Amino acid sequence: MTPLNHFGQPIGDALPDWQPRERPSHVQLDGHWCRLEPLNTERHSQDLFKAWHSIDDNRDWTYLSVDRPATQADCDLFISQQARSEDPLFFAVVDIQTQRAVGSVSLMRIDAVNGVAEIGWVNWSPLMKRTRFGTEAIYLLQRYLFDTLKYRRCEWKCHSLNEPSKLAAQRFGFQYEGMFRQAIVNKGHNRDTCWYSVLDSEWPASKTAFERWLSAENFTAEGQQKQRLEALRQ
């Protein structure tokens, strides 16, 4: 039943034990296949520049608010600016086998009072495609938010025309909430923004699916998945 106040008006469920949470910080998050490190110019800029330039065009940057750095110097400046930011809070995705950064991601729009944060600035390089890194990176961020910091909500937002990002959100267990029309102007074009979320009550089942998918038993000797993440959520 919906709780009522003393005026007989419906109100939300009581949260008598709720306290504001700690803000995410520059921590290292370790996985089996990759780890997330606080973004750092000296450690990560050269690797990321090479990874982002492992193809000849900028197609992976279409839906980001910036363009791919054209030179190493541009990349150093770009990474140094992101590394100084507290919100968004940026991480490098490091391939454990090669010890090289292959992408970056952030926690952003951090609302510690209400226990909410968004996974954003998802900037995978071509070196992350068809690997386990992207899935594990999202798992590590959600595990940090929900299990360590005890947040209530994790968000995912993307351009309404960015089909790969929308499919990724659904694959990662985010629930579609709706679209903000004409939300922003991106590179001189309109952007309608799709909103997705995972709640703390949904995380235990989602976490189990992630861990089953990421387990070594779910992959052949050639690295092919045996079961899709979507199937493990059903």
Protein backbone atom coordinates (compact mmCIF):
# COMPACT_ATOMS: atom_id res chain seq x y z
CA MET A 1 0.00 0.00 0.00
CA THR A 2 1.13 3.55 -0.72
CA PRO A 3 2.02 5.39 2.52
CA LEU A 4 -0.12 8.40 3.39
CA ASN A 5 0.83 11.46 5.42
CA HIS A 6 -1.38 12.96 8.12
CA PHE A 7 -3.30 14.88 5.44
CA GLY A 8 -4.19 11.63 3.72
CA GLN A 9 -1.89 12.44 0.80
CA PRO A 10 0.12 9.61 -0.83
CA ILE A 11 3.87 9.87 -0.26
CA GLY A 12 6.90 7.70 -1.05
CA ASP A 13 8.18 4.80 1.01
CA ALA A 14 9.86 5.87 4.25
CA LEU A 15 13.67 5.66 4.41
CA PRO A 16 14.30 6.19 8.12
CA ASP A 17 17.90 4.96 8.02
CA TRP A 18 19.01 6.87 4.92
CA GLN A 19 22.16 8.96 5.21
CA PRO A 20 24.04 10.85 2.46
CA ARG A 21 26.74 8.69 0.93
CA GLU A 22 30.42 9.30 0.29
CA ARG A 23 31.38 10.67 -3.07
CA PRO A 24 33.21 8.34 -5.48
CA SER A 25 36.94 8.96 -5.32
CA HIS A 26 40.10 8.30 -7.33
CA VAL A 27 40.34 4.60 -6.49
CA GLN A 28 41.59 1.64 -8.50
CA LEU A 29 38.98 -0.99 -9.34
CA ASP A 30 40.41 -4.41 -10.12
CA GLY A 31 38.82 -7.02 -12.36
CA HIS A 32 39.94 -10.29 -13.94
CA TRP A 33 40.38 -8.94 -17.46
CA CYS A 34 40.82 -5.22 -16.95
CA ARG A 35 41.17 -2.70 -14.17
CA LEU A 36 40.04 0.89 -13.81
CA GLU A 37 42.69 3.39 -12.75
CA PRO A 38 42.29 7.10 -11.98
CA LEU A 39 43.00 8.79 -15.30
CA ASN A 40 46.55 10.15 -15.46
CA THR A 41 48.34 11.94 -18.29
CA GLU A 42 51.76 10.36 -17.78
CA ARG A 43 50.45 6.82 -17.38
CA HIS A 44 47.64 6.79 -19.92
CA SER A 45 47.81 9.51 -22.58
CA GLN A 46 50.20 7.81 -25.01
CA ASP A 47 48.38 4.49 -24.77
CA LEU A 48 44.99 6.12 -25.26
CA PHE A 49 46.16 8.21 -28.20
CA LYS A 50 47.42 5.06 -29.95
CA ALA A 51 44.28 3.12 -29.05
CA TRP A 52 41.90 5.86 -30.26
CA HIS A 53 43.93 6.19 -33.47
CA SER A 54 44.00 2.45 -34.17
CA ILE A 55 41.45 3.22 -36.89
CA ASP A 56 41.70 6.00 -39.46
CA ASP A 57 38.41 7.81 -38.80
CA ASN A 58 36.46 9.45 -35.99
CA ARG A 59 33.30 7.34 -36.07
CA ASP A 60 33.60 6.39 -32.40
CA TRP A 61 33.48 10.08 -31.42
CA THR A 62 30.29 11.06 -33.26
CA TYR A 63 28.08 11.11 -30.16
CA LEU A 64 30.67 12.53 -27.75
CA SER A 65 30.68 16.27 -27.14
CA VAL A 66 34.32 16.56 -28.32
CA ASP A 67 36.33 15.33 -31.28
CA ARG A 68 39.21 12.86 -31.22
CA PRO A 69 42.51 14.55 -30.31
CA ALA A 70 44.45 15.01 -33.55
CA THR A 71 47.95 14.94 -32.06
CA GLN A 72 49.68 13.52 -29.01
CA ALA A 73 49.97 17.04 -27.62
CA ASP A 74 46.22 17.51 -28.04
CA CYS A 75 45.64 14.21 -26.29
CA ASP A 76 47.92 15.18 -23.40
CA LEU A 77 45.91 18.37 -22.89
CA PHE A 78 42.61 16.50 -23.19
CA ILE A 79 43.63 13.84 -20.67
CA SER A 80 45.12 16.36 -18.25
CA GLN A 81 41.85 18.31 -18.19
CA GLN A 82 39.83 15.17 -17.56
CA ALA A 83 42.27 13.92 -14.91
CA ARG A 84 41.78 17.11 -12.86
CA SER A 85 38.00 16.80 -12.90
CA GLU A 86 36.08 15.60 -9.85
CA ASP A 87 32.74 15.43 -11.66
CA PRO A 88 32.96 13.77 -14.11
CA LEU A 89 35.41 11.51 -12.29
CA PHE A 90 37.46 9.79 -14.99
CA PHE A 91 39.03 6.34 -15.09
CA ALA A 92 41.28 4.65 -17.62
CA VAL A 93 40.41 1.11 -18.66
CA VAL A 94 43.65 -0.89 -18.54
CA ASP A 95 44.11 -4.27 -20.25
CA ILE A 96 45.64 -6.46 -17.53
CA GLN A 97 47.47 -8.63 -20.06
CA THR A 98 49.26 -5.77 -21.87
CA GLN A 99 49.17 -3.24 -19.00
CA ARG A 100 48.05 -0.58 -21.50
CA ALA A 101 45.09 1.79 -21.36
CA VAL A 102 42.52 0.94 -24.04
CA GLY A 103 39.63 3.25 -23.13
CA SER A 104 38.21 5.65 -20.57
CA VAL A 105 34.95 6.15 -18.68
CA SER A 106 33.60 8.30 -15.88
CA LEU A 107 31.20 8.59 -12.99
CA MET A 108 29.36 11.88 -13.37
CA ARG A 109 26.42 13.97 -12.17
CA ILE A 110 27.31 12.64 -8.75
CA ASP A 111 24.60 13.26 -6.14
CA ALA A 112 25.93 11.82 -2.90
CA VAL A 113 23.07 13.29 -0.85
CA ASN A 114 20.58 11.13 -2.72
CA GLY A 115 22.91 8.26 -3.63
CA VAL A 116 22.77 8.71 -7.41
CA ALA A 117 25.50 8.75 -10.07
CA GLU A 118 25.68 8.32 -13.83
CA ILE A 119 28.10 6.23 -15.88
CA GLY A 120 29.11 8.56 -18.71
CA TRP A 121 31.86 9.60 -21.10
CA VAL A 122 32.08 5.97 -22.20
CA ASN A 123 35.00 6.25 -24.62
CA TRP A 124 36.01 2.75 -25.70
CA SER A 125 38.75 2.44 -28.32
CA PRO A 126 38.58 -0.07 -31.19
CA LEU A 127 40.96 -2.23 -29.12
CA MET A 128 38.09 -2.92 -26.72
CA LYS A 129 35.69 -4.26 -29.33
CA ARG A 130 34.89 -7.95 -29.04
CA THR A 131 36.70 -8.14 -25.68
CA ARG A 132 35.42 -8.59 -22.14
CA PHE A 133 36.84 -5.22 -21.06
CA GLY A 134 33.80 -3.05 -21.76
CA THR A 135 31.42 -5.34 -19.89
CA GLU A 136 33.76 -5.76 -16.95
CA ALA A 137 34.42 -2.00 -16.73
CA ILE A 138 30.68 -1.29 -16.37
CA TYR A 139 30.38 -4.11 -13.83
CA LEU A 140 33.29 -2.69 -11.77
CA LEU A 141 31.75 0.79 -11.69
CA GLN A 142 28.35 -0.51 -10.61
CA ARG A 143 29.91 -2.78 -8.00
CA TYR A 144 31.78 0.24 -6.62
CA LEU A 145 28.62 2.36 -6.51
CA PHE A 146 26.25 -0.23 -5.09
CA ASP A 147 28.42 -2.55 -2.98
CA THR A 148 31.08 -0.15 -1.70
CA LEU A 149 29.36 3.24 -1.59
CA LYS A 150 25.79 1.90 -1.10
CA TYR A 151 24.20 4.17 -3.70
CA ARG A 152 20.52 3.79 -4.58
CA ARG A 153 20.62 4.48 -8.30
CA CYS A 154 23.01 4.30 -11.26
CA GLU A 155 22.10 6.14 -14.46
CA TRP A 156 22.97 5.81 -18.15
CA LYS A 157 22.10 8.51 -20.67
CA CYS A 158 22.75 8.66 -24.39
CA HIS A 159 21.81 10.33 -27.66
CA SER A 160 18.46 8.98 -28.85
CA LEU A 161 20.06 8.15 -32.22
CA ASN A 162 23.03 6.32 -30.71
CA GLU A 163 21.76 2.78 -31.25
CA PRO A 164 24.93 1.00 -29.99
CA SER A 165 24.74 2.89 -26.68
CA LYS A 166 21.03 2.15 -26.28
CA LEU A 167 21.62 -1.55 -26.93
CA ALA A 168 24.56 -1.53 -24.49
CA ALA A 169 22.41 0.03 -21.76
CA GLN A 170 19.82 -2.71 -22.13
CA ARG A 171 22.49 -5.43 -22.27
CA PHE A 172 24.03 -4.10 -19.05
CA GLY A 173 20.68 -4.30 -17.27
CA PHE A 174 19.65 -0.65 -17.33
CA GLN A 175 15.92 -0.01 -17.55
CA TYR A 176 14.61 2.55 -20.06
CA GLU A 177 12.86 5.47 -18.37
CA GLY A 178 12.05 7.84 -21.20
CA MET A 179 13.42 10.56 -23.47
CA PHE A 180 14.21 14.21 -22.77
CA ARG A 181 13.39 16.01 -26.00
CA GLN A 182 15.75 18.75 -27.22
CA ALA A 183 17.86 18.21 -24.14
CA ILE A 184 21.09 19.75 -25.44
CA VAL A 185 22.85 21.02 -28.56
CA ASN A 186 25.71 18.69 -29.48
CA LYS A 187 28.24 19.79 -32.11
CA GLY A 188 25.66 22.10 -33.68
CA HIS A 189 22.90 19.47 -33.82
CA ASN A 190 19.88 18.72 -31.66
CA ARG A 191 20.17 15.88 -29.17
CA ASP A 192 17.21 14.12 -27.61
CA THR A 193 18.52 12.17 -24.61
CA CYS A 194 17.39 8.68 -23.56
CA TRP A 195 17.47 7.91 -19.83
CA TYR A 196 18.15 4.50 -18.27
CA SER A 197 18.78 3.34 -14.71
CA VAL A 198 19.62 0.43 -12.42
CA LEU A 199 18.36 0.54 -8.82
CA ASP A 200 20.01 -0.94 -5.75
CA SER A 201 17.16 -3.46 -5.48
CA GLU A 202 17.90 -4.65 -9.03
CA TRP A 203 21.66 -4.84 -8.59
CA PRO A 204 22.00 -8.25 -6.87
CA ALA A 205 20.40 -10.11 -9.80
CA SER A 206 22.28 -7.96 -12.32
CA LYS A 207 25.55 -8.57 -10.46
CA THR A 208 25.03 -12.32 -10.60
CA ALA A 209 24.45 -12.17 -14.36
CA PHE A 210 27.60 -10.09 -14.86
CA GLU A 211 29.71 -12.49 -12.81
CA ARG A 212 28.37 -15.55 -14.59
CA TRP A 213 29.06 -13.95 -17.96
CA LEU A 214 32.56 -12.79 -16.99
CA SER A 215 33.59 -16.15 -15.54
CA ALA A 216 36.24 -18.11 -17.39
CA GLU A 217 33.78 -21.02 -17.66
CA ASN A 218 31.58 -18.91 -19.95
CA PHE A 219 34.27 -18.69 -22.65
CA THR A 220 35.87 -21.20 -24.95
CA ALA A 221 39.63 -21.57 -25.28
CA GLU A 222 39.37 -19.27 -28.31
CA GLY A 223 37.63 -16.59 -26.24
CA GLN A 224 34.12 -17.06 -27.63
CA GLN A 225 31.23 -16.58 -25.20
CA LYS A 226 29.07 -19.59 -24.46
CA GLN A 227 26.07 -17.68 -23.11
CA ARG A 228 25.07 -14.10 -23.87
CA LEU A 229 24.72 -11.65 -20.99
CA GLU A 230 21.10 -11.01 -21.95
CA ALA A 231 20.30 -14.71 -21.64
CA LEU A 232 21.85 -14.86 -18.19
CA ARG A 233 19.56 -12.04 -17.04
CA GLN A 234 16.41 -13.98 -17.94
